[in-house]
Amino acid sequence: MSRPERVEENLQALAISLTADELATQDSAFAPDAIIGDRYPAMVMKLAAR
């Protein structure tokens, strides 16, 4: 959640528009098969499984 003093700054993100090339770059970078590895390190997973 945003702090009240950051709301105006965060709302400015609504004015951002990306080109088709920028969107394609993001699509490929964040495609499900592009992200590899575990979400958390093994030690954290051991602690979470308790």
C-alpha atoms as a PDB file:
ATOM      1  CA  MET A   1       0.000   0.000   0.000  1.00  0.00           C
ATOM      2  CA  SER A   2       1.249   3.451  -0.817  1.00  0.00           C
ATOM      3  CA  ARG A   3       1.938   6.112   1.728  1.00  0.00           C
ATOM      4  CA  PRO A   4      -0.315   9.163   1.358  1.00  0.00           C
ATOM      5  CA  GLU A   5       2.615  11.399   0.420  1.00  0.00           C
ATOM      6  CA  ARG A   6       3.380   9.079  -2.529  1.00  0.00           C
ATOM      7  CA  VAL A   7      -0.127   8.906  -4.028  1.00  0.00           C
ATOM      8  CA  GLU A   8       0.339  11.831  -6.415  1.00  0.00           C
ATOM      9  CA  GLU A   9       3.674  10.476  -7.610  1.00  0.00           C
ATOM     10  CA  ASN A  10       2.220   6.977  -8.081  1.00  0.00           C
ATOM     11  CA  LEU A  11      -0.725   8.311 -10.070  1.00  0.00           C
ATOM     12  CA  GLN A  12       1.707   9.786 -12.584  1.00  0.00           C
ATOM     13  CA  ALA A  13       2.449   6.216 -13.677  1.00  0.00           C
ATOM     14  CA  LEU A  14      -0.958   6.239 -15.376  1.00  0.00           C
ATOM     15  CA  ALA A  15       0.417   8.726 -17.923  1.00  0.00           C
ATOM     16  CA  ILE A  16       3.154   6.366 -19.131  1.00  0.00           C
ATOM     17  CA  SER A  17       2.685   4.919 -22.584  1.00  0.00           C
ATOM     18  CA  LEU A  18       4.988   2.308 -24.051  1.00  0.00           C
ATOM     19  CA  THR A  19       5.851   1.745 -27.684  1.00  0.00           C
ATOM     20  CA  ALA A  20       5.122  -1.579 -29.357  1.00  0.00           C
ATOM     21  CA  ASP A  21       8.822  -2.441 -29.127  1.00  0.00           C
ATOM     22  CA  GLU A  22       8.911  -1.658 -25.398  1.00  0.00           C
ATOM     23  CA  LEU A  23       5.834  -3.799 -24.800  1.00  0.00           C
ATOM     24  CA  ALA A  24       7.362  -6.677 -26.789  1.00  0.00           C
ATOM     25  CA  THR A  25      10.550  -6.422 -24.719  1.00  0.00           C
ATOM     26  CA  GLN A  26       8.566  -6.617 -21.515  1.00  0.00           C
ATOM     27  CA  ASP A  27       6.429  -9.470 -22.812  1.00  0.00           C
ATOM     28  CA  SER A  28       9.500 -11.545 -23.591  1.00  0.00           C
ATOM     29  CA  ALA A  29      11.298 -10.623 -20.356  1.00  0.00           C
ATOM     30  CA  PHE A  30       8.335 -11.604 -18.192  1.00  0.00           C
ATOM     31  CA  ALA A  31       7.037 -14.562 -20.167  1.00  0.00           C
ATOM     32  CA  PRO A  32       6.384 -17.563 -17.895  1.00  0.00           C
ATOM     33  CA  ASP A  33       9.157 -19.592 -19.517  1.00  0.00           C
ATOM     34  CA  ALA A  34      11.662 -16.714 -19.269  1.00  0.00           C
ATOM     35  CA  ILE A  35      11.670 -16.731 -15.481  1.00  0.00           C
ATOM     36  CA  ILE A  36      13.730 -19.560 -14.050  1.00  0.00           C
ATOM     37  CA  GLY A  37      14.750 -20.628 -10.602  1.00  0.00           C
ATOM     38  CA  ASP A  38      13.011 -20.854  -7.297  1.00  0.00           C
ATOM     39  CA  ARG A  39      10.998 -18.011  -5.905  1.00  0.00           C
ATOM     40  CA  TYR A  40      12.840 -18.106  -2.585  1.00  0.00           C
ATOM     41  CA  PRO A  41      16.244 -19.431  -1.530  1.00  0.00           C
ATOM     42  CA  ALA A  42      16.263 -23.003  -0.142  1.00  0.00           C
ATOM     43  CA  MET A  43      16.884 -21.799   3.436  1.00  0.00           C
ATOM     44  CA  VAL A  44      13.813 -19.592   3.342  1.00  0.00           C
ATOM     45  CA  MET A  45      11.723 -22.484   1.995  1.00  0.00           C
ATOM     46  CA  LYS A  46      12.883 -24.693   4.867  1.00  0.00           C
ATOM     47  CA  LEU A  47      11.776 -22.070   7.384  1.00  0.00           C
ATOM     48  CA  ALA A  48       8.449 -21.522   5.626  1.00  0.00           C
ATOM     49  CA  ALA A  49       7.659 -25.249   5.580  1.00  0.00           C
ATOM     50  CA  ARG A  50       7.620 -25.466   9.366  1.00  0.00           C
END
